[in-house]
Amino acid sequence: MPAAMIHMLAARDYDPQGDARYLLGSIAPDYAFDRAFKDAIHLRNVPDRPAALSELRAGLDTSDSYSLGWLLHLFTDMKWDESFLADYRAAHEGEENWFRGYHKELHSAGYALYHRYEWADKACGDILEVDLTTLPPALPGDPAQIEEFRTILMEKTRESPPDIHSDVFPAETVERFAADTAAAFRAWMEGKA
């Protein structure tokens, strides 16, 4: 699972004019703190994740920007888990606390992107203004939990040091991933993949 700013970058690559609801949808599935529930939301607990994602797509109104962002989030996570997460996990096999180092690098990569893009601060502010009472009932999410999640996330992102970076997930690598993921998502949405 990539950091929020990586999700937002993929969302911007897919639709540069996407609204704040769309950007919120692109990060909202990470609102859950319970690991088993989070895995269920992200379809990590099913035997055929791509098929489950296609089934979800068929049942969602993707003309709703929040729903489209949510779907893109799950697609992005699937692509990330197949590549960057799998590679990191393999490189740190046998290490007891590999996940801590992974998360540190992941957050650093996301914060670095925030400081790299002029649009990022406005996008964070706009996400905080989305009316959570209008979220689609077809998707999971308690508005109070999403409110807490987005508030804490945007605060941490905005307060991150401007010189932060990740040696494991450098900006150029993450940017390429976001662009490739957006292109793959476009093809998948059009039935070409």
N, C-alpha and C. Protein backbone atom coordinates (compact mmCIF):
# COMPACT_ATOMS: atom_id res chain seq x y z
N MET A 1 0.83 -1.18 0.00
CA MET A 1 0.00 0.00 0.00
C MET A 1 0.87 1.24 0.00
N PRO A 2 0.72 2.08 -0.97
CA PRO A 2 1.52 3.30 -1.01
C PRO A 2 0.98 4.39 -0.08
N ALA A 3 1.79 5.39 0.14
CA ALA A 3 1.40 6.52 0.99
C ALA A 3 0.31 7.34 0.30
N ALA A 4 -0.38 8.15 1.10
CA ALA A 4 -1.50 8.94 0.58
C ALA A 4 -1.10 9.82 -0.60
N MET A 5 0.04 10.47 -0.52
CA MET A 5 0.45 11.35 -1.62
C MET A 5 0.75 10.57 -2.89
N ILE A 6 1.16 9.32 -2.76
CA ILE A 6 1.37 8.49 -3.95
C ILE A 6 0.02 8.18 -4.58
N HIS A 7 -0.98 7.90 -3.73
CA HIS A 7 -2.34 7.69 -4.24
C HIS A 7 -2.86 8.96 -4.92
N MET A 8 -2.62 10.10 -4.30
CA MET A 8 -3.09 11.36 -4.88
C MET A 8 -2.39 11.67 -6.19
N LEU A 9 -1.11 11.33 -6.28
CA LEU A 9 -0.38 11.55 -7.53
C LEU A 9 -0.94 10.66 -8.64
N ALA A 10 -1.21 9.40 -8.33
CA ALA A 10 -1.81 8.50 -9.32
C ALA A 10 -3.18 9.04 -9.74
N ALA A 11 -3.93 9.55 -8.77
CA ALA A 11 -5.25 10.12 -9.08
C ALA A 11 -5.11 11.34 -9.99
N ARG A 12 -4.16 12.20 -9.71
CA ARG A 12 -3.93 13.38 -10.57
C ARG A 12 -3.46 12.96 -11.96
N ASP A 13 -2.63 11.91 -12.02
CA ASP A 13 -2.19 11.43 -13.33
C ASP A 13 -3.36 10.88 -14.14
N TYR A 14 -4.30 10.24 -13.46
CA TYR A 14 -5.46 9.69 -14.15
C TYR A 14 -6.43 10.80 -14.56
N ASP A 15 -6.69 11.74 -13.65
CA ASP A 15 -7.60 12.84 -13.95
C ASP A 15 -7.08 14.13 -13.31
N PRO A 16 -6.29 14.90 -14.04
CA PRO A 16 -5.71 16.13 -13.49
C PRO A 16 -6.76 17.14 -13.01
N GLN A 17 -7.98 17.04 -13.51
CA GLN A 17 -9.05 17.97 -13.12
C GLN A 17 -9.97 17.39 -12.05
N GLY A 18 -9.60 16.23 -11.50
CA GLY A 18 -10.45 15.58 -10.50
C GLY A 18 -10.71 16.48 -9.30
N ASP A 19 -11.93 16.43 -8.79
CA ASP A 19 -12.31 17.29 -7.67
C ASP A 19 -11.83 16.73 -6.33
N ALA A 20 -12.13 17.47 -5.27
CA ALA A 20 -11.68 17.09 -3.93
C ALA A 20 -12.32 15.79 -3.46
N ARG A 21 -13.57 15.54 -3.85
CA ARG A 21 -14.22 14.25 -3.50
C ARG A 21 -13.44 13.09 -4.11
N TYR A 22 -13.01 13.27 -5.33
CA TYR A 22 -12.23 12.24 -6.03
C TYR A 22 -10.90 12.01 -5.30
N LEU A 23 -10.22 13.09 -4.94
CA LEU A 23 -8.95 12.94 -4.22
C LEU A 23 -9.16 12.31 -2.85
N LEU A 24 -10.24 12.68 -2.16
CA LEU A 24 -10.54 12.03 -0.88
C LEU A 24 -10.79 10.55 -1.09
N GLY A 25 -11.56 10.21 -2.12
CA GLY A 25 -11.79 8.80 -2.43
C GLY A 25 -10.51 8.05 -2.70
N SER A 26 -9.53 8.75 -3.27
CA SER A 26 -8.26 8.09 -3.62
C SER A 26 -7.41 7.76 -2.39
N ILE A 27 -7.76 8.31 -1.23
CA ILE A 27 -7.02 7.99 0.00
C ILE A 27 -7.90 7.36 1.08
N ALA A 28 -9.22 7.51 0.97
CA ALA A 28 -10.16 7.12 2.03
C ALA A 28 -10.11 5.65 2.43
N PRO A 29 -9.86 4.69 1.55
CA PRO A 29 -9.86 3.30 2.01
C PRO A 29 -8.85 3.00 3.12
N ASP A 30 -7.89 3.88 3.33
CA ASP A 30 -6.92 3.67 4.40
C ASP A 30 -7.40 4.18 5.76
N TYR A 31 -8.66 4.62 5.84
CA TYR A 31 -9.17 5.16 7.09
C TYR A 31 -9.22 4.11 8.19
N ALA A 32 -9.38 2.85 7.85
CA ALA A 32 -9.54 1.77 8.83
C ALA A 32 -8.22 1.47 9.52
N PHE A 33 -8.26 1.36 10.83
CA PHE A 33 -7.05 1.06 11.59
C PHE A 33 -6.96 -0.43 11.94
N ASP A 34 -8.07 -1.12 11.98
CA ASP A 34 -8.08 -2.55 12.26
C ASP A 34 -7.54 -3.29 11.03
N ARG A 35 -6.48 -4.05 11.19
CA ARG A 35 -5.79 -4.68 10.07
C ARG A 35 -6.70 -5.64 9.29
N ALA A 36 -7.47 -6.47 9.99
CA ALA A 36 -8.33 -7.43 9.28
C ALA A 36 -9.40 -6.70 8.47
N PHE A 37 -9.99 -5.65 9.04
CA PHE A 37 -11.00 -4.87 8.33
C PHE A 37 -10.38 -4.15 7.15
N LYS A 38 -9.18 -3.60 7.36
CA LYS A 38 -8.49 -2.89 6.29
C LYS A 38 -8.17 -3.85 5.14
N ASP A 39 -7.72 -5.05 5.47
CA ASP A 39 -7.44 -6.04 4.42
C ASP A 39 -8.71 -6.39 3.65
N ALA A 40 -9.84 -6.47 4.35
CA ALA A 40 -11.11 -6.78 3.69
C ALA A 40 -11.50 -5.63 2.75
N ILE A 41 -11.37 -4.39 3.21
CA ILE A 41 -11.70 -3.23 2.37
C ILE A 41 -10.83 -3.22 1.11
N HIS A 42 -9.56 -3.60 1.27
CA HIS A 42 -8.60 -3.57 0.16
C HIS A 42 -8.61 -4.86 -0.67
N LEU A 43 -9.51 -5.76 -0.35
CA LEU A 43 -9.67 -7.02 -1.08
C LEU A 43 -8.41 -7.89 -1.01
N ARG A 44 -7.64 -7.73 0.05
CA ARG A 44 -6.44 -8.56 0.23
C ARG A 44 -6.78 -9.94 0.78
N ASN A 45 -7.99 -10.10 1.25
CA ASN A 45 -8.39 -11.34 1.90
C ASN A 45 -9.16 -12.28 0.97
N VAL A 46 -9.14 -12.00 -0.32
CA VAL A 46 -9.86 -12.84 -1.28
C VAL A 46 -8.85 -13.59 -2.14
N PRO A 47 -9.22 -14.77 -2.62
CA PRO A 47 -8.26 -15.56 -3.40
C PRO A 47 -7.91 -14.94 -4.76
N ASP A 48 -8.82 -14.21 -5.36
CA ASP A 48 -8.57 -13.62 -6.68
C ASP A 48 -8.86 -12.12 -6.60
N ARG A 49 -7.87 -11.37 -6.19
CA ARG A 49 -8.03 -9.92 -5.99
C ARG A 49 -8.43 -9.18 -7.26
N PRO A 50 -7.80 -9.45 -8.41
CA PRO A 50 -8.23 -8.75 -9.63
C PRO A 50 -9.70 -9.01 -9.97
N ALA A 51 -10.16 -10.24 -9.79
CA ALA A 51 -11.57 -10.55 -10.08
C ALA A 51 -12.49 -9.83 -9.10
N ALA A 52 -12.10 -9.79 -7.84
CA ALA A 52 -12.91 -9.10 -6.83
C ALA A 52 -12.97 -7.60 -7.12
N LEU A 53 -11.87 -7.05 -7.60
CA LEU A 53 -11.84 -5.63 -7.94
C LEU A 53 -12.74 -5.36 -9.16
N SER A 54 -12.73 -6.25 -10.12
CA SER A 54 -13.61 -6.11 -11.29
C SER A 54 -15.08 -6.21 -10.87
N GLU A 55 -15.36 -7.09 -9.94
CA GLU A 55 -16.73 -7.23 -9.44
C GLU A 55 -17.17 -5.96 -8.71
N LEU A 56 -16.28 -5.39 -7.92
CA LEU A 56 -16.59 -4.14 -7.23
C LEU A 56 -16.85 -3.03 -8.25
N ARG A 57 -15.99 -2.94 -9.26
CA ARG A 57 -16.17 -1.93 -10.32
C ARG A 57 -17.55 -2.04 -10.96
N ALA A 58 -18.00 -3.26 -11.22
CA ALA A 58 -19.29 -3.47 -11.87
C ALA A 58 -20.45 -2.98 -10.99
N GLY A 59 -20.25 -2.99 -9.67
CA GLY A 59 -21.32 -2.58 -8.76
C GLY A 59 -21.26 -1.13 -8.32
N LEU A 60 -20.24 -0.41 -8.72
CA LEU A 60 -20.08 0.98 -8.29
C LEU A 60 -20.54 1.96 -9.36
N ASP A 61 -21.04 3.07 -8.90
CA ASP A 61 -21.36 4.19 -9.81
C ASP A 61 -20.09 5.02 -9.94
N THR A 62 -19.28 4.73 -10.94
CA THR A 62 -18.00 5.43 -11.08
C THR A 62 -18.16 6.83 -11.68
N SER A 63 -19.41 7.24 -11.96
CA SER A 63 -19.61 8.64 -12.31
C SER A 63 -19.55 9.51 -11.05
N ASP A 64 -19.67 8.88 -9.88
CA ASP A 64 -19.46 9.58 -8.62
C ASP A 64 -17.96 9.65 -8.38
N SER A 65 -17.43 10.85 -8.25
CA SER A 65 -15.98 11.03 -8.20
C SER A 65 -15.35 10.35 -6.98
N TYR A 66 -16.04 10.33 -5.85
CA TYR A 66 -15.51 9.66 -4.67
C TYR A 66 -15.37 8.16 -4.93
N SER A 67 -16.39 7.57 -5.52
CA SER A 67 -16.35 6.13 -5.83
C SER A 67 -15.24 5.81 -6.82
N LEU A 68 -15.05 6.68 -7.82
CA LEU A 68 -13.97 6.47 -8.78
C LEU A 68 -12.61 6.55 -8.08
N GLY A 69 -12.44 7.53 -7.20
CA GLY A 69 -11.19 7.64 -6.44
C GLY A 69 -10.95 6.42 -5.56
N TRP A 70 -12.01 5.93 -4.93
CA TRP A 70 -11.91 4.74 -4.07
C TRP A 70 -11.45 3.54 -4.90
N LEU A 71 -12.06 3.36 -6.06
CA LEU A 71 -11.70 2.24 -6.92
C LEU A 71 -10.24 2.37 -7.39
N LEU A 72 -9.83 3.57 -7.75
CA LEU A 72 -8.44 3.80 -8.15
C LEU A 72 -7.49 3.48 -7.00
N HIS A 73 -7.88 3.82 -5.78
CA HIS A 73 -7.05 3.50 -4.61
C HIS A 73 -6.80 2.00 -4.53
N LEU A 74 -7.87 1.22 -4.64
CA LEU A 74 -7.73 -0.23 -4.53
C LEU A 74 -6.89 -0.80 -5.67
N PHE A 75 -7.07 -0.27 -6.86
CA PHE A 75 -6.28 -0.69 -8.02
C PHE A 75 -4.80 -0.35 -7.79
N THR A 76 -4.54 0.86 -7.30
CA THR A 76 -3.16 1.31 -7.03
C THR A 76 -2.52 0.42 -5.98
N ASP A 77 -3.25 0.11 -4.92
CA ASP A 77 -2.71 -0.77 -3.89
C ASP A 77 -2.37 -2.14 -4.45
N MET A 78 -3.24 -2.66 -5.29
CA MET A 78 -2.98 -3.98 -5.88
C MET A 78 -1.67 -3.95 -6.68
N LYS A 79 -1.50 -2.91 -7.50
CA LYS A 79 -0.27 -2.79 -8.30
C LYS A 79 0.95 -2.61 -7.41
N TRP A 80 0.83 -1.79 -6.37
CA TRP A 80 1.94 -1.55 -5.44
C TRP A 80 2.32 -2.84 -4.71
N ASP A 81 1.30 -3.54 -4.21
CA ASP A 81 1.55 -4.77 -3.46
C ASP A 81 2.25 -5.82 -4.31
N GLU A 82 1.90 -5.86 -5.61
CA GLU A 82 2.51 -6.83 -6.53
C GLU A 82 3.97 -6.49 -6.84
N SER A 83 4.34 -5.25 -6.66
CA SER A 83 5.69 -4.84 -7.05
C SER A 83 6.50 -4.35 -5.85
N PHE A 84 6.32 -3.12 -5.46
CA PHE A 84 7.16 -2.53 -4.42
C PHE A 84 7.07 -3.25 -3.08
N LEU A 85 5.86 -3.57 -2.64
CA LEU A 85 5.73 -4.27 -1.36
C LEU A 85 6.36 -5.66 -1.44
N ALA A 86 6.07 -6.38 -2.52
CA ALA A 86 6.63 -7.73 -2.67
C ALA A 86 8.16 -7.68 -2.71
N ASP A 87 8.72 -6.72 -3.42
CA ASP A 87 10.17 -6.59 -3.51
C ASP A 87 10.79 -6.23 -2.16
N TYR A 88 10.16 -5.30 -1.44
CA TYR A 88 10.68 -4.89 -0.13
C TYR A 88 10.61 -6.05 0.85
N ARG A 89 9.49 -6.74 0.85
CA ARG A 89 9.31 -7.88 1.76
C ARG A 89 10.36 -8.96 1.47
N ALA A 90 10.62 -9.25 0.20
CA ALA A 90 11.60 -10.26 -0.17
C ALA A 90 13.01 -9.83 0.26
N ALA A 91 13.33 -8.56 0.10
CA ALA A 91 14.66 -8.05 0.47
C ALA A 91 14.88 -8.08 1.98
N HIS A 92 13.80 -8.08 2.74
CA HIS A 92 13.91 -8.04 4.20
C HIS A 92 13.36 -9.30 4.85
N GLU A 93 13.33 -10.37 4.07
CA GLU A 93 12.82 -11.64 4.57
C GLU A 93 13.60 -12.07 5.82
N GLY A 94 12.86 -12.49 6.80
CA GLY A 94 13.46 -12.95 8.05
C GLY A 94 13.65 -11.85 9.09
N GLU A 95 13.52 -10.60 8.69
CA GLU A 95 13.64 -9.50 9.65
C GLU A 95 12.33 -9.38 10.42
N GLU A 96 12.45 -9.33 11.74
CA GLU A 96 11.27 -9.33 12.59
C GLU A 96 10.40 -8.08 12.40
N ASN A 97 11.01 -6.93 12.31
CA ASN A 97 10.25 -5.68 12.23
C ASN A 97 10.39 -5.00 10.87
N TRP A 98 10.40 -5.78 9.79
CA TRP A 98 10.57 -5.21 8.45
C TRP A 98 9.50 -4.17 8.14
N PHE A 99 8.30 -4.37 8.70
CA PHE A 99 7.19 -3.49 8.39
C PHE A 99 7.42 -2.06 8.90
N ARG A 100 8.13 -1.93 10.00
CA ARG A 100 8.42 -0.59 10.54
C ARG A 100 9.31 0.21 9.59
N GLY A 101 10.37 -0.41 9.09
CA GLY A 101 11.25 0.25 8.13
C GLY A 101 10.53 0.57 6.84
N TYR A 102 9.68 -0.35 6.41
CA TYR A 102 8.89 -0.16 5.21
C TYR A 102 7.98 1.07 5.36
N HIS A 103 7.28 1.14 6.48
CA HIS A 103 6.38 2.27 6.71
C HIS A 103 7.14 3.59 6.80
N LYS A 104 8.28 3.59 7.42
CA LYS A 104 9.07 4.82 7.52
C LYS A 104 9.45 5.32 6.12
N GLU A 105 9.94 4.42 5.27
CA GLU A 105 10.31 4.79 3.91
C GLU A 105 9.10 5.23 3.10
N LEU A 106 7.99 4.53 3.29
CA LEU A 106 6.77 4.84 2.58
C LEU A 106 6.27 6.25 2.92
N HIS A 107 6.21 6.55 4.21
CA HIS A 107 5.76 7.88 4.63
C HIS A 107 6.73 8.96 4.15
N SER A 108 8.01 8.67 4.22
CA SER A 108 9.00 9.64 3.73
C SER A 108 8.80 9.92 2.25
N ALA A 109 8.54 8.88 1.47
CA ALA A 109 8.30 9.06 0.03
C ALA A 109 7.06 9.92 -0.21
N GLY A 110 6.01 9.67 0.55
CA GLY A 110 4.78 10.46 0.40
C GLY A 110 4.98 11.91 0.79
N TYR A 111 5.66 12.14 1.90
CA TYR A 111 5.90 13.51 2.34
C TYR A 111 6.79 14.25 1.35
N ALA A 112 7.75 13.55 0.78
CA ALA A 112 8.63 14.18 -0.22
C ALA A 112 7.81 14.64 -1.43
N LEU A 113 6.83 13.83 -1.85
CA LEU A 113 5.98 14.23 -2.97
C LEU A 113 5.16 15.47 -2.62
N TYR A 114 4.68 15.54 -1.40
CA TYR A 114 3.90 16.70 -0.97
C TYR A 114 4.71 17.99 -1.17
N HIS A 115 5.97 17.95 -0.81
CA HIS A 115 6.82 19.14 -0.93
C HIS A 115 7.30 19.37 -2.36
N ARG A 116 7.12 18.40 -3.22
CA ARG A 116 7.58 18.48 -4.61
C ARG A 116 6.57 19.14 -5.55
N TYR A 117 5.29 19.12 -5.18
CA TYR A 117 4.24 19.58 -6.08
C TYR A 117 3.50 20.79 -5.52
N GLU A 118 3.39 21.83 -6.34
CA GLU A 118 2.70 23.05 -5.92
C GLU A 118 1.22 22.81 -5.62
N TRP A 119 0.59 21.88 -6.32
CA TRP A 119 -0.83 21.62 -6.15
C TRP A 119 -1.16 20.89 -4.85
N ALA A 120 -0.16 20.30 -4.22
CA ALA A 120 -0.41 19.38 -3.10
C ALA A 120 -1.05 20.06 -1.88
N ASP A 121 -0.58 21.24 -1.51
CA ASP A 121 -1.12 21.87 -0.30
C ASP A 121 -2.59 22.25 -0.50
N LYS A 122 -2.92 22.80 -1.67
CA LYS A 122 -4.32 23.15 -1.94
C LYS A 122 -5.18 21.89 -1.95
N ALA A 123 -4.68 20.83 -2.54
CA ALA A 123 -5.43 19.57 -2.58
C ALA A 123 -5.69 19.06 -1.17
N CYS A 124 -4.69 19.15 -0.30
CA CYS A 124 -4.89 18.72 1.09
C CYS A 124 -5.96 19.56 1.77
N GLY A 125 -5.93 20.87 1.56
CA GLY A 125 -6.95 21.75 2.13
C GLY A 125 -8.33 21.44 1.58
N ASP A 126 -8.41 21.20 0.27
CA ASP A 126 -9.69 20.88 -0.35
C ASP A 126 -10.26 19.57 0.18
N ILE A 127 -9.41 18.59 0.40
CA ILE A 127 -9.85 17.30 0.95
C ILE A 127 -10.50 17.50 2.32
N LEU A 128 -9.94 18.41 3.10
CA LEU A 128 -10.49 18.67 4.44
C LEU A 128 -11.86 19.33 4.38
N GLU A 129 -12.22 19.90 3.24
CA GLU A 129 -13.50 20.60 3.10
C GLU A 129 -14.62 19.74 2.52
N VAL A 130 -14.32 18.53 2.10
CA VAL A 130 -15.35 17.67 1.50
C VAL A 130 -16.42 17.35 2.55
N ASP A 131 -17.67 17.49 2.16
CA ASP A 131 -18.81 17.18 3.02
C ASP A 131 -18.97 15.67 3.11
N LEU A 132 -18.67 15.12 4.27
CA LEU A 132 -18.69 13.67 4.44
C LEU A 132 -20.10 13.09 4.51
N THR A 133 -21.10 13.94 4.65
CA THR A 133 -22.48 13.43 4.67
C THR A 133 -22.96 13.04 3.28
N THR A 134 -22.18 13.38 2.25
CA THR A 134 -22.59 13.07 0.88
C THR A 134 -21.87 11.86 0.30
N LEU A 135 -21.13 11.14 1.13
CA LEU A 135 -20.40 9.98 0.61
C LEU A 135 -21.37 8.86 0.24
N PRO A 136 -21.04 8.10 -0.79
CA PRO A 136 -21.97 7.06 -1.26
C PRO A 136 -22.11 5.93 -0.25
N PRO A 137 -23.34 5.50 0.02
CA PRO A 137 -23.56 4.43 1.00
C PRO A 137 -23.08 3.06 0.51
N ALA A 138 -22.79 2.92 -0.77
CA ALA A 138 -22.33 1.63 -1.30
C ALA A 138 -20.93 1.28 -0.83
N LEU A 139 -20.19 2.26 -0.33
CA LEU A 139 -18.81 2.01 0.12
C LEU A 139 -18.74 2.08 1.64
N PRO A 140 -17.84 1.28 2.23
CA PRO A 140 -17.73 1.32 3.69
C PRO A 140 -17.13 2.64 4.16
N GLY A 141 -17.36 2.95 5.40
CA GLY A 141 -16.73 4.14 5.97
C GLY A 141 -17.66 4.94 6.85
N ASP A 142 -17.31 4.99 8.12
CA ASP A 142 -18.02 5.82 9.07
C ASP A 142 -17.49 7.25 8.90
N PRO A 143 -18.37 8.22 8.63
CA PRO A 143 -17.89 9.58 8.42
C PRO A 143 -17.02 10.12 9.56
N ALA A 144 -17.31 9.75 10.80
CA ALA A 144 -16.50 10.22 11.93
C ALA A 144 -15.08 9.65 11.84
N GLN A 145 -14.95 8.40 11.46
CA GLN A 145 -13.62 7.80 11.32
C GLN A 145 -12.87 8.38 10.13
N ILE A 146 -13.58 8.62 9.04
CA ILE A 146 -12.93 9.23 7.87
C ILE A 146 -12.50 10.66 8.21
N GLU A 147 -13.33 11.37 8.96
CA GLU A 147 -12.96 12.73 9.39
C GLU A 147 -11.68 12.71 10.21
N GLU A 148 -11.61 11.81 11.18
CA GLU A 148 -10.41 11.70 12.02
C GLU A 148 -9.19 11.34 11.16
N PHE A 149 -9.37 10.38 10.26
CA PHE A 149 -8.28 9.94 9.40
C PHE A 149 -7.76 11.08 8.53
N ARG A 150 -8.66 11.76 7.82
CA ARG A 150 -8.19 12.80 6.90
C ARG A 150 -7.57 13.97 7.65
N THR A 151 -8.11 14.31 8.82
CA THR A 151 -7.56 15.42 9.60
C THR A 151 -6.15 15.11 10.06
N ILE A 152 -5.94 13.94 10.63
CA ILE A 152 -4.61 13.55 11.10
C ILE A 152 -3.64 13.43 9.93
N LEU A 153 -4.07 12.79 8.86
CA LEU A 153 -3.21 12.58 7.69
C LEU A 153 -2.78 13.90 7.07
N MET A 154 -3.72 14.80 6.87
CA MET A 154 -3.37 16.08 6.24
C MET A 154 -2.48 16.91 7.17
N GLU A 155 -2.71 16.83 8.46
CA GLU A 155 -1.88 17.55 9.42
C GLU A 155 -0.45 17.03 9.39
N LYS A 156 -0.29 15.71 9.45
CA LYS A 156 1.06 15.12 9.41
C LYS A 156 1.76 15.44 8.09
N THR A 157 1.02 15.38 7.00
CA THR A 157 1.60 15.67 5.69
C THR A 157 2.07 17.11 5.63
N ARG A 158 1.23 18.02 6.03
CA ARG A 158 1.57 19.44 5.96
C ARG A 158 2.70 19.82 6.91
N GLU A 159 2.84 19.10 8.00
CA GLU A 159 3.89 19.40 8.98
C GLU A 159 5.20 18.66 8.71
N SER A 160 5.25 17.85 7.68
CA SER A 160 6.46 17.09 7.40
C SER A 160 7.59 18.03 6.98
N PRO A 161 8.83 17.64 7.30
CA PRO A 161 9.96 18.51 6.93
C PRO A 161 10.16 18.58 5.41
N PRO A 162 10.42 19.77 4.90
CA PRO A 162 10.53 19.94 3.44
C PRO A 162 11.70 19.20 2.80
N ASP A 163 12.70 18.83 3.59
CA ASP A 163 13.87 18.14 3.02
C ASP A 163 13.78 16.62 3.15
N ILE A 164 12.64 16.11 3.52
CA ILE A 164 12.48 14.66 3.70
C ILE A 164 12.58 13.94 2.36
N HIS A 165 13.07 12.71 2.39
CA HIS A 165 13.15 11.89 1.18
C HIS A 165 13.21 10.42 1.57
N SER A 166 13.06 9.56 0.62
CA SER A 166 13.18 8.13 0.84
C SER A 166 14.28 7.59 -0.06
N ASP A 167 15.19 6.85 0.52
CA ASP A 167 16.22 6.19 -0.28
C ASP A 167 15.68 4.96 -0.98
N VAL A 168 14.66 4.35 -0.40
CA VAL A 168 14.09 3.12 -0.95
C VAL A 168 13.08 3.41 -2.06
N PHE A 169 12.27 4.46 -1.86
CA PHE A 169 11.25 4.83 -2.83
C PHE A 169 11.48 6.28 -3.28
N PRO A 170 12.52 6.52 -4.09
CA PRO A 170 12.81 7.89 -4.51
C PRO A 170 11.68 8.47 -5.37
N ALA A 171 11.59 9.78 -5.36
CA ALA A 171 10.48 10.48 -6.02
C ALA A 171 10.32 10.07 -7.48
N GLU A 172 11.41 9.99 -8.22
CA GLU A 172 11.32 9.67 -9.65
C GLU A 172 10.73 8.27 -9.86
N THR A 173 11.09 7.34 -9.01
CA THR A 173 10.57 5.97 -9.11
C THR A 173 9.08 5.95 -8.80
N VAL A 174 8.69 6.67 -7.76
CA VAL A 174 7.29 6.72 -7.36
C VAL A 174 6.46 7.46 -8.42
N GLU A 175 7.01 8.49 -9.00
CA GLU A 175 6.30 9.22 -10.06
C GLU A 175 6.05 8.31 -11.27
N ARG A 176 7.04 7.52 -11.62
CA ARG A 176 6.88 6.58 -12.74
C ARG A 176 5.80 5.55 -12.40
N PHE A 177 5.84 5.05 -11.16
CA PHE A 177 4.80 4.10 -10.73
C PHE A 177 3.41 4.73 -10.84
N ALA A 178 3.25 5.95 -10.36
CA ALA A 178 1.94 6.62 -10.39
C ALA A 178 1.45 6.79 -11.82
N ALA A 179 2.33 7.23 -12.71
CA ALA A 179 1.95 7.42 -14.11
C ALA A 179 1.58 6.09 -14.77
N ASP A 180 2.39 5.07 -14.53
CA ASP A 180 2.11 3.75 -15.11
C ASP A 180 0.80 3.18 -14.57
N THR A 181 0.57 3.38 -13.27
CA THR A 181 -0.66 2.88 -12.64
C THR A 181 -1.88 3.59 -13.20
N ALA A 182 -1.79 4.91 -13.36
CA ALA A 182 -2.90 5.67 -13.94
C ALA A 182 -3.22 5.18 -15.35
N ALA A 183 -2.19 4.93 -16.13
CA ALA A 183 -2.39 4.42 -17.50
C ALA A 183 -3.01 3.03 -17.48
N ALA A 184 -2.55 2.17 -16.58
CA ALA A 184 -3.11 0.83 -16.48
C ALA A 184 -4.56 0.87 -16.00
N PHE A 185 -4.86 1.79 -15.07
CA PHE A 185 -6.22 1.95 -14.58
C PHE A 185 -7.14 2.43 -15.71
N ARG A 186 -6.66 3.35 -16.52
CA ARG A 186 -7.45 3.85 -17.66
C ARG A 186 -7.78 2.69 -18.60
N ALA A 187 -6.79 1.89 -18.92
CA ALA A 187 -7.01 0.74 -19.81
C ALA A 187 -7.98 -0.25 -19.19
N TRP A 188 -7.84 -0.49 -17.89
CA TRP A 188 -8.73 -1.42 -17.18
C TRP A 188 -10.16 -0.89 -17.17
N MET A 189 -10.33 0.39 -16.92
CA MET A 189 -11.67 1.00 -16.89
C MET A 189 -12.31 0.95 -18.28
N GLU A 190 -11.49 1.02 -19.32
CA GLU A 190 -12.01 0.98 -20.70
C GLU A 190 -12.14 -0.45 -21.22
N GLY A 191 -11.82 -1.43 -20.35
CA GLY A 191 -11.94 -2.82 -20.75
C GLY A 191 -10.85 -3.31 -21.64
N LYS A 192 -9.72 -2.60 -21.66
CA LYS A 192 -8.61 -2.96 -22.55
C LYS A 192 -7.53 -3.76 -21.83
N ALA A 193 -7.75 -4.02 -20.55
CA ALA A 193 -6.73 -4.77 -19.78
C ALA A 193 -7.39 -5.85 -18.95
